[in-house]
Amino acid sequence: MRDLQRWYEAVDGALAYKRCRPLLYGWLEKAQIELGSYGPDGAARQRDRDEFEGDFASATARESATLCP
């Protein structure tokens, strides 16, 4: 009986999270905009820039390794 109760609590928690997720993401984006994370020098821009440059750096390294024996 106790296992069944835990199961129902877990399912209820998962459904509540699924319902609230869009609201949480909306709140997070609004907070990041207010903090300036999406500005020219913001943390979100820097993270995206580093990831973007990292993708090209690994591709460039592979190409140069195959071109130069």
N, C-alpha and C. Protein backbone atom coordinates (compact mmCIF):
# COMPACT_ATOMS: atom_id res chain seq x y z
N MET A 1 0.82 -1.19 0.00
CA MET A 1 0.00 0.00 0.00
C MET A 1 0.87 1.27 0.00
N ARG A 2 1.95 1.20 0.77
CA ARG A 2 2.83 2.36 0.86
C ARG A 2 3.54 2.62 -0.48
N ASP A 3 3.92 1.55 -1.18
CA ASP A 3 4.56 1.70 -2.49
C ASP A 3 3.61 2.35 -3.49
N LEU A 4 2.35 1.98 -3.42
CA LEU A 4 1.35 2.57 -4.32
C LEU A 4 1.20 4.06 -4.04
N GLN A 5 1.23 4.44 -2.78
CA GLN A 5 1.12 5.85 -2.42
C GLN A 5 2.33 6.63 -2.95
N ARG A 6 3.52 6.06 -2.84
CA ARG A 6 4.72 6.71 -3.38
C ARG A 6 4.63 6.86 -4.89
N TRP A 7 4.09 5.84 -5.54
CA TRP A 7 3.93 5.89 -6.99
C TRP A 7 3.02 7.05 -7.38
N TYR A 8 1.87 7.17 -6.70
CA TYR A 8 0.94 8.25 -7.01
C TYR A 8 1.55 9.62 -6.72
N GLU A 9 2.33 9.74 -5.66
CA GLU A 9 3.00 11.00 -5.37
C GLU A 9 4.03 11.34 -6.45
N ALA A 10 4.74 10.35 -6.93
CA ALA A 10 5.72 10.58 -7.99
C ALA A 10 5.04 11.02 -9.28
N VAL A 11 3.94 10.37 -9.62
CA VAL A 11 3.20 10.73 -10.83
C VAL A 11 2.62 12.13 -10.69
N ASP A 12 2.06 12.45 -9.53
CA ASP A 12 1.53 13.79 -9.30
C ASP A 12 2.63 14.84 -9.43
N GLY A 13 3.80 14.56 -8.89
CA GLY A 13 4.92 15.49 -9.00
C GLY A 13 5.36 15.70 -10.43
N ALA A 14 5.42 14.62 -11.19
CA ALA A 14 5.83 14.72 -12.60
C ALA A 14 4.81 15.53 -13.40
N LEU A 15 3.54 15.30 -13.15
CA LEU A 15 2.51 16.05 -13.87
C LEU A 15 2.51 17.53 -13.48
N ALA A 16 2.74 17.81 -12.21
CA ALA A 16 2.81 19.20 -11.77
C ALA A 16 3.99 19.91 -12.43
N TYR A 17 5.13 19.23 -12.52
CA TYR A 17 6.29 19.81 -13.17
C TYR A 17 6.00 20.07 -14.65
N LYS A 18 5.32 19.13 -15.29
CA LYS A 18 5.01 19.28 -16.71
C LYS A 18 4.09 20.48 -16.94
N ARG A 19 3.14 20.69 -16.03
CA ARG A 19 2.23 21.82 -16.16
C ARG A 19 2.92 23.14 -15.88
N CYS A 20 3.86 23.17 -14.96
CA CYS A 20 4.49 24.42 -14.53
C CYS A 20 5.74 24.78 -15.33
N ARG A 21 6.26 23.86 -16.11
CA ARG A 21 7.52 24.10 -16.82
C ARG A 21 7.48 25.34 -17.72
N PRO A 22 6.44 25.55 -18.54
CA PRO A 22 6.44 26.77 -19.36
C PRO A 22 6.47 28.05 -18.52
N LEU A 23 5.78 28.05 -17.38
CA LEU A 23 5.80 29.22 -16.51
C LEU A 23 7.19 29.43 -15.92
N LEU A 24 7.85 28.34 -15.56
CA LEU A 24 9.21 28.45 -15.01
C LEU A 24 10.19 28.99 -16.04
N TYR A 25 10.08 28.51 -17.27
CA TYR A 25 10.98 29.00 -18.32
C TYR A 25 10.70 30.46 -18.63
N GLY A 26 9.43 30.85 -18.63
CA GLY A 26 9.09 32.26 -18.85
C GLY A 26 9.67 33.15 -17.77
N TRP A 27 9.56 32.70 -16.52
CA TRP A 27 10.10 33.47 -15.41
C TRP A 27 11.62 33.58 -15.52
N LEU A 28 12.27 32.47 -15.86
CA LEU A 28 13.73 32.46 -15.97
C LEU A 28 14.20 33.40 -17.08
N GLU A 29 13.53 33.38 -18.23
CA GLU A 29 13.94 34.25 -19.32
C GLU A 29 13.75 35.72 -18.95
N LYS A 30 12.64 36.03 -18.29
CA LYS A 30 12.40 37.41 -17.86
C LYS A 30 13.47 37.87 -16.88
N ALA A 31 13.83 37.00 -15.94
CA ALA A 31 14.87 37.34 -14.96
C ALA A 31 16.22 37.55 -15.65
N GLN A 32 16.54 36.72 -16.63
CA GLN A 32 17.81 36.86 -17.33
C GLN A 32 17.85 38.14 -18.15
N ILE A 33 16.72 38.52 -18.73
CA ILE A 33 16.67 39.78 -19.48
C ILE A 33 16.89 40.95 -18.54
N GLU A 34 16.25 40.91 -17.37
CA GLU A 34 16.41 42.00 -16.41
C GLU A 34 17.84 42.08 -15.88
N LEU A 35 18.52 40.95 -15.77
CA LEU A 35 19.90 40.94 -15.29
C LEU A 35 20.91 41.30 -16.38
N GLY A 36 20.45 41.39 -17.62
CA GLY A 36 21.34 41.75 -18.71
C GLY A 36 22.12 40.58 -19.29
N SER A 37 21.65 39.38 -19.09
CA SER A 37 22.38 38.21 -19.58
C SER A 37 22.42 38.14 -21.10
N TYR A 38 21.43 38.74 -21.76
CA TYR A 38 21.37 38.67 -23.21
C TYR A 38 21.96 39.91 -23.88
N GLY A 39 22.54 40.81 -23.09
CA GLY A 39 23.18 42.00 -23.64
C GLY A 39 24.48 41.64 -24.35
N PRO A 40 25.13 42.62 -24.95
CA PRO A 40 26.37 42.33 -25.69
C PRO A 40 27.46 41.67 -24.85
N ASP A 41 27.54 42.02 -23.58
CA ASP A 41 28.57 41.45 -22.71
C ASP A 41 27.97 40.51 -21.67
N GLY A 42 26.75 40.06 -21.90
CA GLY A 42 26.07 39.21 -20.93
C GLY A 42 26.60 37.79 -20.88
N ALA A 43 26.28 37.11 -19.80
CA ALA A 43 26.76 35.75 -19.59
C ALA A 43 26.20 34.78 -20.62
N ALA A 44 24.94 34.96 -20.99
CA ALA A 44 24.34 34.05 -21.97
C ALA A 44 25.00 34.20 -23.33
N ARG A 45 25.29 35.43 -23.72
CA ARG A 45 25.96 35.66 -25.00
C ARG A 45 27.36 35.06 -24.99
N GLN A 46 28.07 35.25 -23.88
CA GLN A 46 29.43 34.71 -23.78
C GLN A 46 29.42 33.19 -23.86
N ARG A 47 28.48 32.56 -23.17
CA ARG A 47 28.38 31.10 -23.18
C ARG A 47 28.09 30.61 -24.60
N ASP A 48 27.15 31.27 -25.29
CA ASP A 48 26.82 30.87 -26.65
C ASP A 48 28.01 31.08 -27.59
N ARG A 49 28.71 32.19 -27.41
CA ARG A 49 29.87 32.49 -28.26
C ARG A 49 30.97 31.45 -28.07
N ASP A 50 31.24 31.10 -26.81
CA ASP A 50 32.26 30.09 -26.53
C ASP A 50 31.89 28.74 -27.14
N GLU A 51 30.63 28.38 -27.03
CA GLU A 51 30.18 27.11 -27.59
C GLU A 51 30.27 27.12 -29.11
N PHE A 52 29.88 28.24 -29.73
CA PHE A 52 29.93 28.37 -31.18
C PHE A 52 31.37 28.29 -31.68
N GLU A 53 32.26 29.03 -31.03
CA GLU A 53 33.66 29.01 -31.45
C GLU A 53 34.30 27.65 -31.18
N GLY A 54 33.88 26.99 -30.12
CA GLY A 54 34.40 25.66 -29.82
C GLY A 54 34.02 24.64 -30.88
N ASP A 55 32.80 24.77 -31.41
CA ASP A 55 32.37 23.87 -32.47
C ASP A 55 33.25 24.03 -33.70
N PHE A 56 33.57 25.28 -34.06
CA PHE A 56 34.40 25.51 -35.23
C PHE A 56 35.86 25.18 -34.97
N ALA A 57 36.31 25.37 -33.75
CA ALA A 57 37.71 25.05 -33.44
C ALA A 57 37.97 23.56 -33.58
N SER A 58 37.03 22.74 -33.12
CA SER A 58 37.23 21.29 -33.25
C SER A 58 37.15 20.86 -34.71
N ALA A 59 36.29 21.49 -35.49
CA ALA A 59 36.18 21.15 -36.91
C ALA A 59 37.44 21.59 -37.65
N THR A 60 37.96 22.75 -37.32
CA THR A 60 39.17 23.25 -37.96
C THR A 60 40.37 22.38 -37.60
N ALA A 61 40.44 21.94 -36.37
CA ALA A 61 41.55 21.09 -35.94
C ALA A 61 41.52 19.76 -36.68
N ARG A 62 40.35 19.21 -36.89
CA ARG A 62 40.25 17.94 -37.63
C ARG A 62 40.66 18.13 -39.08
N GLU A 63 40.23 19.24 -39.70
CA GLU A 63 40.58 19.48 -41.10
C GLU A 63 42.08 19.68 -41.26
N SER A 64 42.69 20.44 -40.36
CA SER A 64 44.13 20.69 -40.49
C SER A 64 44.92 19.41 -40.24
N ALA A 65 44.41 18.54 -39.40
CA ALA A 65 45.10 17.28 -39.13
C ALA A 65 45.06 16.37 -40.35
N THR A 66 43.98 16.43 -41.11
CA THR A 66 43.87 15.57 -42.30
C THR A 66 44.61 16.17 -43.48
N LEU A 67 44.75 17.51 -43.52
CA LEU A 67 45.42 18.15 -44.65
C LEU A 67 46.93 18.16 -44.49
N CYS A 68 47.42 18.27 -43.28
CA CYS A 68 48.86 18.35 -43.03
C CYS A 68 49.35 17.04 -42.42
N PRO A 69 50.07 16.23 -43.19
CA PRO A 69 50.54 14.95 -42.64
C PRO A 69 51.70 15.09 -41.69
